[in-house]
């Protein structure tokens, strides 16, 4: 009885891992807004960007102490977008770069 439960458990785990390994990888979701038109350089602050775009995938700080947010999504079929938003020392946007 116990060996039947174990063998079924291994079979189910094997099927799930095989299905996950063969499926396309999705990363994040499409951006809520178009970053190039919604984020205003020299006007928007970190708080504004977080409100418009949500939490970034990566936050980093460069050698001069400026914050950089990186947003990304991919649908697993070759489409996706990467957006980088950099802030100056006053936490105001000074660079928005978006690529597909």
PDB file of N, CA and C in Angstrom:
ATOM      1  N   UNK A   1       0.826  -1.198   0.000  1.00  0.00           N
ATOM      2  CA  UNK A   1       0.000   0.000   0.000  1.00  0.00           C
ATOM      3  C   UNK A   1       0.866   1.256   0.000  1.00  0.00           C
ATOM      4  N   UNK A   2       1.889   1.246   0.854  1.00  0.00           N
ATOM      5  CA  UNK A   2       2.775   2.397   0.941  1.00  0.00           C
ATOM      6  C   UNK A   2       3.581   2.568  -0.350  1.00  0.00           C
ATOM      7  N   UNK A   3       4.019   1.480  -0.942  1.00  0.00           N
ATOM      8  CA  UNK A   3       4.813   1.571  -2.161  1.00  0.00           C
ATOM      9  C   UNK A   3       3.984   2.104  -3.319  1.00  0.00           C
ATOM     10  N   UNK A   4       2.647   1.841  -3.319  1.00  0.00           N
ATOM     11  CA  UNK A   4       1.783   2.382  -4.373  1.00  0.00           C
ATOM     12  C   UNK A   4       1.695   3.906  -4.249  1.00  0.00           C
ATOM     13  N   UNK A   5       1.556   4.407  -3.003  1.00  0.00           N
ATOM     14  CA  UNK A   5       1.473   5.851  -2.789  1.00  0.00           C
ATOM     15  C   UNK A   5       2.784   6.524  -3.182  1.00  0.00           C
ATOM     16  N   UNK A   6       3.902   5.884  -2.822  1.00  0.00           N
ATOM     17  CA  UNK A   6       5.198   6.455  -3.179  1.00  0.00           C
ATOM     18  C   UNK A   6       5.416   6.474  -4.685  1.00  0.00           C
ATOM     19  N   UNK A   7       5.050   5.386  -5.347  1.00  0.00           N
ATOM     20  CA  UNK A   7       5.251   5.333  -6.799  1.00  0.00           C
ATOM     21  C   UNK A   7       4.361   6.348  -7.517  1.00  0.00           C
ATOM     22  N   UNK A   8       3.140   6.541  -7.043  1.00  0.00           N
ATOM     23  CA  UNK A   8       2.255   7.552  -7.632  1.00  0.00           C
ATOM     24  C   UNK A   8       2.826   8.947  -7.388  1.00  0.00           C
ATOM     25  N   UNK A   9       3.352   9.174  -6.190  1.00  0.00           N
ATOM     26  CA  UNK A   9       3.961  10.470  -5.868  1.00  0.00           C
ATOM     27  C   UNK A   9       5.141  10.781  -6.769  1.00  0.00           C
ATOM     28  N   UNK A  10       6.033   9.789  -6.979  1.00  0.00           N
ATOM     29  CA  UNK A  10       7.177   9.981  -7.871  1.00  0.00           C
ATOM     30  C   UNK A  10       6.721  10.219  -9.303  1.00  0.00           C
ATOM     31  N   UNK A  11       5.692   9.515  -9.730  1.00  0.00           N
ATOM     32  CA  UNK A  11       5.177   9.671 -11.084  1.00  0.00           C
ATOM     33  C   UNK A  11       4.621  11.083 -11.296  1.00  0.00           C
ATOM     34  N   UNK A  12       3.866  11.569 -10.320  1.00  0.00           N
ATOM     35  CA  UNK A  12       3.288  12.914 -10.409  1.00  0.00           C
ATOM     36  C   UNK A  12       4.398  13.964 -10.407  1.00  0.00           C
ATOM     37  N   UNK A  13       5.387  13.828  -9.526  1.00  0.00           N
ATOM     38  CA  UNK A  13       6.507  14.783  -9.476  1.00  0.00           C
ATOM     39  C   UNK A  13       7.280  14.779 -10.786  1.00  0.00           C
ATOM     40  N   UNK A  14       7.499  13.603 -11.344  1.00  0.00           N
ATOM     41  CA  UNK A  14       8.206  13.513 -12.618  1.00  0.00           C
ATOM     42  C   UNK A  14       7.442  14.179 -13.741  1.00  0.00           C
ATOM     43  N   UNK A  15       6.134  13.976 -13.788  1.00  0.00           N
ATOM     44  CA  UNK A  15       5.316  14.595 -14.833  1.00  0.00           C
ATOM     45  C   UNK A  15       5.298  16.118 -14.691  1.00  0.00           C
ATOM     46  N   UNK A  16       5.208  16.602 -13.451  1.00  0.00           N
ATOM     47  CA  UNK A  16       5.204  18.054 -13.237  1.00  0.00           C
ATOM     48  C   UNK A  16       6.540  18.680 -13.620  1.00  0.00           C
ATOM     49  N   UNK A  17       7.644  18.049 -13.262  1.00  0.00           N
ATOM     50  CA  UNK A  17       8.950  18.622 -13.606  1.00  0.00           C
ATOM     51  C   UNK A  17       9.197  18.578 -15.114  1.00  0.00           C
ATOM     52  N   UNK A  18       8.740  17.536 -15.767  1.00  0.00           N
ATOM     53  CA  UNK A  18       8.878  17.455 -17.220  1.00  0.00           C
ATOM     54  C   UNK A  18       8.042  18.534 -17.894  1.00  0.00           C
ATOM     55  N   UNK A  19       6.820  18.743 -17.410  1.00  0.00           N
ATOM     56  CA  UNK A  19       5.951  19.777 -17.982  1.00  0.00           C
ATOM     57  C   UNK A  19       6.506  21.167 -17.760  1.00  0.00           C
ATOM     58  N   UNK A  20       7.080  21.416 -16.601  1.00  0.00           N
ATOM     59  CA  UNK A  20       7.647  22.732 -16.317  1.00  0.00           C
ATOM     60  C   UNK A  20       8.905  22.969 -17.138  1.00  0.00           C
ATOM     61  N   UNK A  21       9.675  21.950 -17.381  1.00  0.00           N
ATOM     62  CA  UNK A  21      10.904  22.097 -18.151  1.00  0.00           C
ATOM     63  C   UNK A  21      10.664  22.322 -19.627  1.00  0.00           C
ATOM     64  N   UNK A  22       9.565  21.838 -20.160  1.00  0.00           N
ATOM     65  CA  UNK A  22       9.288  21.957 -21.587  1.00  0.00           C
ATOM     66  C   UNK A  22       8.420  23.157 -21.942  1.00  0.00           C
ATOM     67  N   UNK A  23       7.854  23.823 -20.962  1.00  0.00           N
ATOM     68  CA  UNK A  23       6.975  24.953 -21.259  1.00  0.00           C
ATOM     69  C   UNK A  23       7.787  26.233 -21.409  1.00  0.00           C
ATOM     70  N   UNK A  24       7.184  27.237 -22.034  1.00  0.00           N
ATOM     71  CA  UNK A  24       7.871  28.509 -22.225  1.00  0.00           C
ATOM     72  C   UNK A  24       7.914  29.274 -20.905  1.00  0.00           C
ATOM     73  N   UNK A  25       8.958  30.057 -20.723  1.00  0.00           N
ATOM     74  CA  UNK A  25       9.177  30.800 -19.487  1.00  0.00           C
ATOM     75  C   UNK A  25       8.556  32.184 -19.605  1.00  0.00           C
ATOM     76  N   UNK A  26       7.726  32.539 -18.630  1.00  0.00           N
ATOM     77  CA  UNK A  26       7.141  33.875 -18.562  1.00  0.00           C
ATOM     78  C   UNK A  26       7.826  34.617 -17.430  1.00  0.00           C
ATOM     79  N   UNK A  27       8.083  35.884 -17.640  1.00  0.00           N
ATOM     80  CA  UNK A  27       8.739  36.698 -16.641  1.00  0.00           C
ATOM     81  C   UNK A  27       7.979  38.002 -16.518  1.00  0.00           C
ATOM     82  N   UNK A  28       7.334  38.223 -15.387  1.00  0.00           N
ATOM     83  CA  UNK A  28       6.596  39.455 -15.160  1.00  0.00           C
ATOM     84  C   UNK A  28       5.363  39.562 -16.027  1.00  0.00           C
ATOM     85  N   UNK A  29       4.865  40.768 -16.169  1.00  0.00           N
ATOM     86  CA  UNK A  29       3.685  41.055 -16.984  1.00  0.00           C
ATOM     87  C   UNK A  29       3.943  42.337 -17.758  1.00  0.00           C
ATOM     88  N   UNK A  30       3.138  42.585 -18.789  1.00  0.00           N
ATOM     89  CA  UNK A  30       3.293  43.828 -19.553  1.00  0.00           C
ATOM     90  C   UNK A  30       3.197  45.020 -18.612  1.00  0.00           C
ATOM     91  N   UNK A  31       3.899  46.073 -18.973  1.00  0.00           N
ATOM     92  CA  UNK A  31       3.897  47.268 -18.143  1.00  0.00           C
ATOM     93  C   UNK A  31       2.502  47.883 -18.091  1.00  0.00           C
ATOM     94  N   UNK A  32       2.168  48.479 -16.947  1.00  0.00           N
ATOM     95  CA  UNK A  32       0.859  49.119 -16.779  1.00  0.00           C
ATOM     96  C   UNK A  32       0.705  50.301 -17.737  1.00  0.00           C
ATOM     97  N   UNK A  33       1.792  51.021 -17.961  1.00  0.00           N
ATOM     98  CA  UNK A  33       1.792  52.200 -18.839  1.00  0.00           C
ATOM     99  C   UNK A  33       2.984  52.119 -19.781  1.00  0.00           C
ATOM    100  N   UNK A  34       2.967  52.917 -20.835  1.00  0.00           N
ATOM    101  CA  UNK A  34       4.119  53.013 -21.723  1.00  0.00           C
ATOM    102  C   UNK A  34       5.159  53.890 -21.029  1.00  0.00           C
ATOM    103  N   UNK A  35       6.314  53.335 -20.654  1.00  0.00           N
ATOM    104  CA  UNK A  35       7.276  54.114 -19.871  1.00  0.00           C
ATOM    105  C   UNK A  35       7.818  55.335 -20.594  1.00  0.00           C
ATOM    106  N   UNK A  36       7.940  55.270 -21.902  1.00  0.00           N
ATOM    107  CA  UNK A  36       8.503  56.402 -22.639  1.00  0.00           C
ATOM    108  C   UNK A  36       7.573  57.617 -22.648  1.00  0.00           C
ATOM    109  N   UNK A  37       6.281  57.394 -22.575  1.00  0.00           N
ATOM    110  CA  UNK A  37       5.362  58.535 -22.583  1.00  0.00           C
ATOM    111  C   UNK A  37       4.842  58.874 -21.184  1.00  0.00           C
ATOM    112  N   UNK A  38       4.807  57.923 -20.281  1.00  0.00           N
ATOM    113  CA  UNK A  38       4.225  58.166 -18.962  1.00  0.00           C
ATOM    114  C   UNK A  38       5.223  58.754 -17.962  1.00  0.00           C
ATOM    115  N   UNK A  39       6.498  58.403 -18.097  1.00  0.00           N
ATOM    116  CA  UNK A  39       7.502  58.884 -17.146  1.00  0.00           C
ATOM    117  C   UNK A  39       8.128  60.160 -17.700  1.00  0.00           C
ATOM    118  N   UNK A  40       8.026  61.219 -16.942  1.00  0.00           N
ATOM    119  CA  UNK A  40       8.521  62.536 -17.369  1.00  0.00           C
ATOM    120  C   UNK A  40       9.919  62.790 -16.797  1.00  0.00           C
ATOM    121  N   UNK A  41      10.882  62.962 -17.672  1.00  0.00           N
ATOM    122  CA  UNK A  41      12.255  63.243 -17.258  1.00  0.00           C
ATOM    123  C   UNK A  41      12.325  64.639 -16.648  1.00  0.00           C
ATOM    124  N   UNK A  42      12.996  64.742 -15.499  1.00  0.00           N
ATOM    125  CA  UNK A  42      13.149  66.027 -14.822  1.00  0.00           C
ATOM    126  C   UNK A  42      11.949  66.422 -13.984  1.00  0.00           C
ATOM    127  N   UNK A  43      10.909  65.595 -13.955  1.00  0.00           N
ATOM    128  CA  UNK A  43       9.707  65.933 -13.209  1.00  0.00           C
ATOM    129  C   UNK A  43       9.311  64.831 -12.231  1.00  0.00           C
ATOM    130  N   UNK A  44       9.238  63.590 -12.700  1.00  0.00           N
ATOM    131  CA  UNK A  44       8.782  62.482 -11.855  1.00  0.00           C
ATOM    132  C   UNK A  44       9.854  62.074 -10.844  1.00  0.00           C
ATOM    133  N   UNK A  45       9.395  61.687  -9.666  1.00  0.00           N
ATOM    134  CA  UNK A  45      10.277  61.206  -8.607  1.00  0.00           C
ATOM    135  C   UNK A  45      10.164  59.680  -8.498  1.00  0.00           C
ATOM    136  N   UNK A  46      10.944  59.091  -7.593  1.00  0.00           N
ATOM    137  CA  UNK A  46      10.861  57.643  -7.375  1.00  0.00           C
ATOM    138  C   UNK A  46       9.442  57.225  -7.029  1.00  0.00           C
ATOM    139  N   UNK A  47       8.803  58.008  -6.178  1.00  0.00           N
ATOM    140  CA  UNK A  47       7.438  57.693  -5.751  1.00  0.00           C
ATOM    141  C   UNK A  47       6.483  57.690  -6.944  1.00  0.00           C
ATOM    142  N   UNK A  48       6.634  58.644  -7.846  1.00  0.00           N
ATOM    143  CA  UNK A  48       5.791  58.716  -9.041  1.00  0.00           C
ATOM    144  C   UNK A  48       6.003  57.497  -9.934  1.00  0.00           C
ATOM    145  N   UNK A  49       7.266  57.113 -10.125  1.00  0.00           N
ATOM    146  CA  UNK A  49       7.582  55.966 -10.982  1.00  0.00           C
ATOM    147  C   UNK A  49       7.043  54.684 -10.368  1.00  0.00           C
ATOM    148  N   UNK A  50       7.203  54.517  -9.056  1.00  0.00           N
ATOM    149  CA  UNK A  50       6.666  53.327  -8.391  1.00  0.00           C
ATOM    150  C   UNK A  50       5.147  53.260  -8.518  1.00  0.00           C
ATOM    151  N   UNK A  51       4.493  54.417  -8.461  1.00  0.00           N
ATOM    152  CA  UNK A  51       3.034  54.448  -8.607  1.00  0.00           C
ATOM    153  C   UNK A  51       2.611  54.082 -10.028  1.00  0.00           C
ATOM    154  N   UNK A  52       3.350  54.574 -11.018  1.00  0.00           N
ATOM    155  CA  UNK A  52       2.992  54.326 -12.421  1.00  0.00           C
ATOM    156  C   UNK A  52       3.381  52.928 -12.888  1.00  0.00           C
ATOM    157  N   UNK A  53       4.571  52.459 -12.506  1.00  0.00           N
ATOM    158  CA  UNK A  53       5.116  51.212 -13.050  1.00  0.00           C
ATOM    159  C   UNK A  53       5.064  50.035 -12.082  1.00  0.00           C
ATOM    160  N   UNK A  54       4.883  50.290 -10.802  1.00  0.00           N
ATOM    161  CA  UNK A  54       4.915  49.209  -9.820  1.00  0.00           C
ATOM    162  C   UNK A  54       6.339  48.945  -9.353  1.00  0.00           C
ATOM    163  N   UNK A  55       6.539  47.849  -8.637  1.00  0.00           N
ATOM    164  CA  UNK A  55       7.856  47.501  -8.114  1.00  0.00           C
ATOM    165  C   UNK A  55       8.775  47.026  -9.233  1.00  0.00           C
ATOM    166  N   UNK A  56      10.024  47.499  -9.251  1.00  0.00           N
ATOM    167  CA  UNK A  56      10.958  47.064 -10.293  1.00  0.00           C
ATOM    168  C   UNK A  56      11.452  45.649 -10.051  1.00  0.00           C
ATOM    169  N   UNK A  57      11.910  45.026 -11.115  1.00  0.00           N
ATOM    170  CA  UNK A  57      12.508  43.696 -11.011  1.00  0.00           C
ATOM    171  C   UNK A  57      13.858  43.787 -10.298  1.00  0.00           C
ATOM    172  N   UNK A  58      14.579  44.875 -10.539  1.00  0.00           N
ATOM    173  CA  UNK A  58      15.898  45.050  -9.922  1.00  0.00           C
ATOM    174  C   UNK A  58      16.093  46.511  -9.540  1.00  0.00           C
ATOM    175  N   UNK A  59      16.640  46.741  -8.362  1.00  0.00           N
ATOM    176  CA  UNK A  59      17.051  48.078  -7.923  1.00  0.00           C
ATOM    177  C   UNK A  59      18.550  48.032  -7.713  1.00  0.00           C
ATOM    178  N   UNK A  60      19.237  49.021  -8.220  1.00  0.00           N
ATOM    179  CA  UNK A  60      20.679  49.062  -8.023  1.00  0.00           C
ATOM    180  C   UNK A  60      21.118  50.502  -7.796  1.00  0.00           C
ATOM    181  N   UNK A  61      22.330  50.644  -7.270  1.00  0.00           N
ATOM    182  CA  UNK A  61      22.895  51.961  -6.999  1.00  0.00           C
ATOM    183  C   UNK A  61      24.244  52.017  -7.696  1.00  0.00           C
ATOM    184  N   UNK A  62      24.461  53.061  -8.495  1.00  0.00           N
ATOM    185  CA  UNK A  62      25.725  53.168  -9.216  1.00  0.00           C
ATOM    186  C   UNK A  62      26.826  53.702  -8.303  1.00  0.00           C
ATOM    187  N   UNK A  63      28.012  53.867  -8.849  1.00  0.00           N
ATOM    188  CA  UNK A  63      29.173  54.265  -8.049  1.00  0.00           C
ATOM    189  C   UNK A  63      29.058  55.676  -7.475  1.00  0.00           C
ATOM    190  N   UNK A  64      28.180  56.491  -8.044  1.00  0.00           N
ATOM    191  CA  UNK A  64      27.991  57.853  -7.543  1.00  0.00           C
ATOM    192  C   UNK A  64      26.787  57.972  -6.612  1.00  0.00           C
ATOM    193  N   UNK A  65      26.172  56.849  -6.263  1.00  0.00           N
ATOM    194  CA  UNK A  65      25.068  56.849  -5.306  1.00  0.00           C
ATOM    195  C   UNK A  65      23.703  57.105  -5.907  1.00  0.00           C
ATOM    196  N   UNK A  66      23.588  57.045  -7.221  1.00  0.00           N
ATOM    197  CA  UNK A  66      22.293  57.261  -7.877  1.00  0.00           C
ATOM    198  C   UNK A  66      21.561  55.932  -8.012  1.00  0.00           C
ATOM    199  N   UNK A  67      20.237  55.964  -7.888  1.00  0.00           N
ATOM    200  CA  UNK A  67      19.420  54.758  -7.941  1.00  0.00           C
ATOM    201  C   UNK A  67      18.996  54.465  -9.374  1.00  0.00           C
ATOM    202  N   UNK A  68      18.965  53.163  -9.709  1.00  0.00           N
ATOM    203  CA  UNK A  68      18.540  52.713 -11.034  1.00  0.00           C
ATOM    204  C   UNK A  68      17.507  51.612 -10.848  1.00  0.00           C
ATOM    205  N   UNK A  69      16.336  51.775 -11.465  1.00  0.00           N
ATOM    206  CA  UNK A  69      15.287  50.752 -11.460  1.00  0.00           C
ATOM    207  C   UNK A  69      15.310  50.039 -12.811  1.00  0.00           C
ATOM    208  N   UNK A  70      15.185  48.716 -12.791  1.00  0.00           N
ATOM    209  CA  UNK A  70      15.096  47.941 -14.017  1.00  0.00           C
ATOM    210  C   UNK A  70      13.796  47.158 -14.010  1.00  0.00           C
ATOM    211  N   UNK A  71      12.984  47.383 -15.014  1.00  0.00           N
ATOM    212  CA  UNK A  71      11.723  46.664 -15.200  1.00  0.00           C
ATOM    213  C   UNK A  71      11.870  45.763 -16.412  1.00  0.00           C
ATOM    214  N   UNK A  72      11.324  44.551 -16.346  1.00  0.00           N
ATOM    215  CA  UNK A  72      11.391  43.660 -17.497  1.00  0.00           C
ATOM    216  C   UNK A  72      10.200  42.710 -17.497  1.00  0.00           C
ATOM    217  N   UNK A  73       9.850  42.272 -18.697  1.00  0.00           N
ATOM    218  CA  UNK A  73       8.857  41.206 -18.847  1.00  0.00           C
ATOM    219  C   UNK A  73       9.165  40.449 -20.125  1.00  0.00           C
ATOM    220  N   UNK A  74       8.794  39.195 -20.121  1.00  0.00           N
ATOM    221  CA  UNK A  74       8.947  38.350 -21.301  1.00  0.00           C
ATOM    222  C   UNK A  74       7.798  37.359 -21.311  1.00  0.00           C
ATOM    223  N   UNK A  75       7.246  37.085 -22.488  1.00  0.00           N
ATOM    224  CA  UNK A  75       6.104  36.184 -22.547  1.00  0.00           C
ATOM    225  C   UNK A  75       6.484  34.755 -22.895  1.00  0.00           C
ATOM    226  N   UNK A  76       7.749  34.465 -23.122  1.00  0.00           N
ATOM    227  CA  UNK A  76       8.186  33.118 -23.434  1.00  0.00           C
ATOM    228  C   UNK A  76       8.112  32.773 -24.904  1.00  0.00           C
ATOM    229  N   UNK A  77       7.562  33.655 -25.718  1.00  0.00           N
ATOM    230  CA  UNK A  77       7.462  33.422 -27.157  1.00  0.00           C
ATOM    231  C   UNK A  77       8.340  34.387 -27.946  1.00  0.00           C
ATOM    232  N   UNK A  78       9.287  35.004 -27.291  1.00  0.00           N
ATOM    233  CA  UNK A  78      10.205  35.906 -27.966  1.00  0.00           C
ATOM    234  C   UNK A  78       9.873  37.374 -27.808  1.00  0.00           C
ATOM    235  N   UNK A  79       8.706  37.698 -27.280  1.00  0.00           N
ATOM    236  CA  UNK A  79       8.339  39.102 -27.073  1.00  0.00           C
ATOM    237  C   UNK A  79       8.661  39.489 -25.641  1.00  0.00           C
ATOM    238  N   UNK A  80       8.971  40.750 -25.459  1.00  0.00           N
ATOM    239  CA  UNK A  80       9.269  41.238 -24.124  1.00  0.00           C
ATOM    240  C   UNK A  80       9.760  42.662 -24.189  1.00  0.00           C
ATOM    241  N   UNK A  81      10.039  43.218 -23.038  1.00  0.00           N
ATOM    242  CA  UNK A  81      10.484  44.602 -22.984  1.00  0.00           C
ATOM    243  C   UNK A  81      11.348  44.792 -21.748  1.00  0.00           C
ATOM    244  N   UNK A  82      12.357  45.627 -21.879  1.00  0.00           N
ATOM    245  CA  UNK A  82      13.246  45.986 -20.791  1.00  0.00           C
ATOM    246  C   UNK A  82      13.223  47.499 -20.666  1.00  0.00           C
ATOM    247  N   UNK A  83      13.023  47.991 -19.458  1.00  0.00           N
ATOM    248  CA  UNK A  83      12.972  49.430 -19.227  1.00  0.00           C
ATOM    249  C   UNK A  83      13.888  49.762 -18.057  1.00  0.00           C
ATOM    250  N   UNK A  84      14.764  50.741 -18.256  1.00  0.00           N
ATOM    251  CA  UNK A  84      15.668  51.192 -17.209  1.00  0.00           C
ATOM    252  C   UNK A  84      15.356  52.645 -16.897  1.00  0.00           C
ATOM    253  N   UNK A  85      15.152  52.939 -15.614  1.00  0.00           N
ATOM    254  CA  UNK A  85      14.856  54.293 -15.164  1.00  0.00           C
ATOM    255  C   UNK A  85      15.942  54.680 -14.161  1.00  0.00           C
ATOM    256  N   UNK A  86      16.657  55.764 -14.438  1.00  0.00           N
ATOM    257  CA  UNK A  86      17.719  56.222 -13.551  1.00  0.00           C
ATOM    258  C   UNK A  86      17.313  57.541 -12.907  1.00  0.00           C
ATOM    259  N   UNK A  87      17.706  57.690 -11.650  1.00  0.00           N
ATOM    260  CA  UNK A  87      17.363  58.882 -10.869  1.00  0.00           C
ATOM    261  C   UNK A  87      18.633  59.622 -10.494  1.00  0.00           C
ATOM    262  N   UNK A  88      18.542  60.953 -10.386  1.00  0.00           N
ATOM    263  CA  UNK A  88      19.689  61.728  -9.924  1.00  0.00           C
ATOM    264  C   UNK A  88      19.738  61.703  -8.397  1.00  0.00           C
ATOM    265  N   UNK A  89      20.627  62.472  -7.816  1.00  0.00           N
ATOM    266  CA  UNK A  89      20.782  62.446  -6.353  1.00  0.00           C
ATOM    267  C   UNK A  89      19.592  63.049  -5.626  1.00  0.00           C
ATOM    268  N   UNK A  90      18.757  63.797  -6.338  1.00  0.00           N
ATOM    269  CA  UNK A  90      17.543  64.377  -5.747  1.00  0.00           C
ATOM    270  C   UNK A  90      16.333  63.474  -5.940  1.00  0.00           C
ATOM    271  N   UNK A  91      16.558  62.237  -6.408  1.00  0.00           N
ATOM    272  CA  UNK A  91      15.503  61.242  -6.666  1.00  0.00           C
ATOM    273  C   UNK A  91      14.527  61.684  -7.745  1.00  0.00           C
ATOM    274  N   UNK A  92      14.992  62.432  -8.723  1.00  0.00           N
ATOM    275  CA  UNK A  92      14.196  62.848  -9.869  1.00  0.00           C
ATOM    276  C   UNK A  92      14.720  62.086 -11.096  1.00  0.00           C
ATOM    277  N   UNK A  93      13.809  61.646 -11.964  1.00  0.00           N
ATOM    278  CA  UNK A  93      14.179  60.880 -13.155  1.00  0.00           C
ATOM    279  C   UNK A  93      15.074  61.713 -14.068  1.00  0.00           C
ATOM    280  N   UNK A  94      16.210  61.123 -14.498  1.00  0.00           N
ATOM    281  CA  UNK A  94      17.032  61.813 -15.481  1.00  0.00           C
ATOM    282  C   UNK A  94      17.302  60.965 -16.723  1.00  0.00           C
ATOM    283  N   UNK A  95      16.992  59.661 -16.705  1.00  0.00           N
ATOM    284  CA  UNK A  95      17.134  58.811 -17.882  1.00  0.00           C
ATOM    285  C   UNK A  95      16.021  57.773 -17.878  1.00  0.00           C
ATOM    286  N   UNK A  96      15.373  57.595 -19.033  1.00  0.00           N
ATOM    287  CA  UNK A  96      14.436  56.491 -19.258  1.00  0.00           C
ATOM    288  C   UNK A  96      14.843  55.824 -20.558  1.00  0.00           C
ATOM    289  N   UNK A  97      15.135  54.540 -20.473  1.00  0.00           N
ATOM    290  CA  UNK A  97      15.536  53.787 -21.657  1.00  0.00           C
ATOM    291  C   UNK A  97      14.652  52.554 -21.760  1.00  0.00           C
ATOM    292  N   UNK A  98      14.074  52.337 -22.924  1.00  0.00           N
ATOM    293  CA  UNK A  98      13.190  51.208 -23.118  1.00  0.00           C
ATOM    294  C   UNK A  98      13.570  50.484 -24.408  1.00  0.00           C
ATOM    295  N   UNK A  99      13.626  49.161 -24.351  1.00  0.00           N
ATOM    296  CA  UNK A  99      13.957  48.380 -25.543  1.00  0.00           C
ATOM    297  C   UNK A  99      13.059  47.160 -25.628  1.00  0.00           C
ATOM    298  N   UNK A 100      12.832  46.715 -26.854  1.00  0.00           N
ATOM    299  CA  UNK A 100      11.990  45.531 -27.062  1.00  0.00           C
ATOM    300  C   UNK A 100      12.761  44.450 -27.727  1.00  0.00           C
TER     301      UNK A 100
END
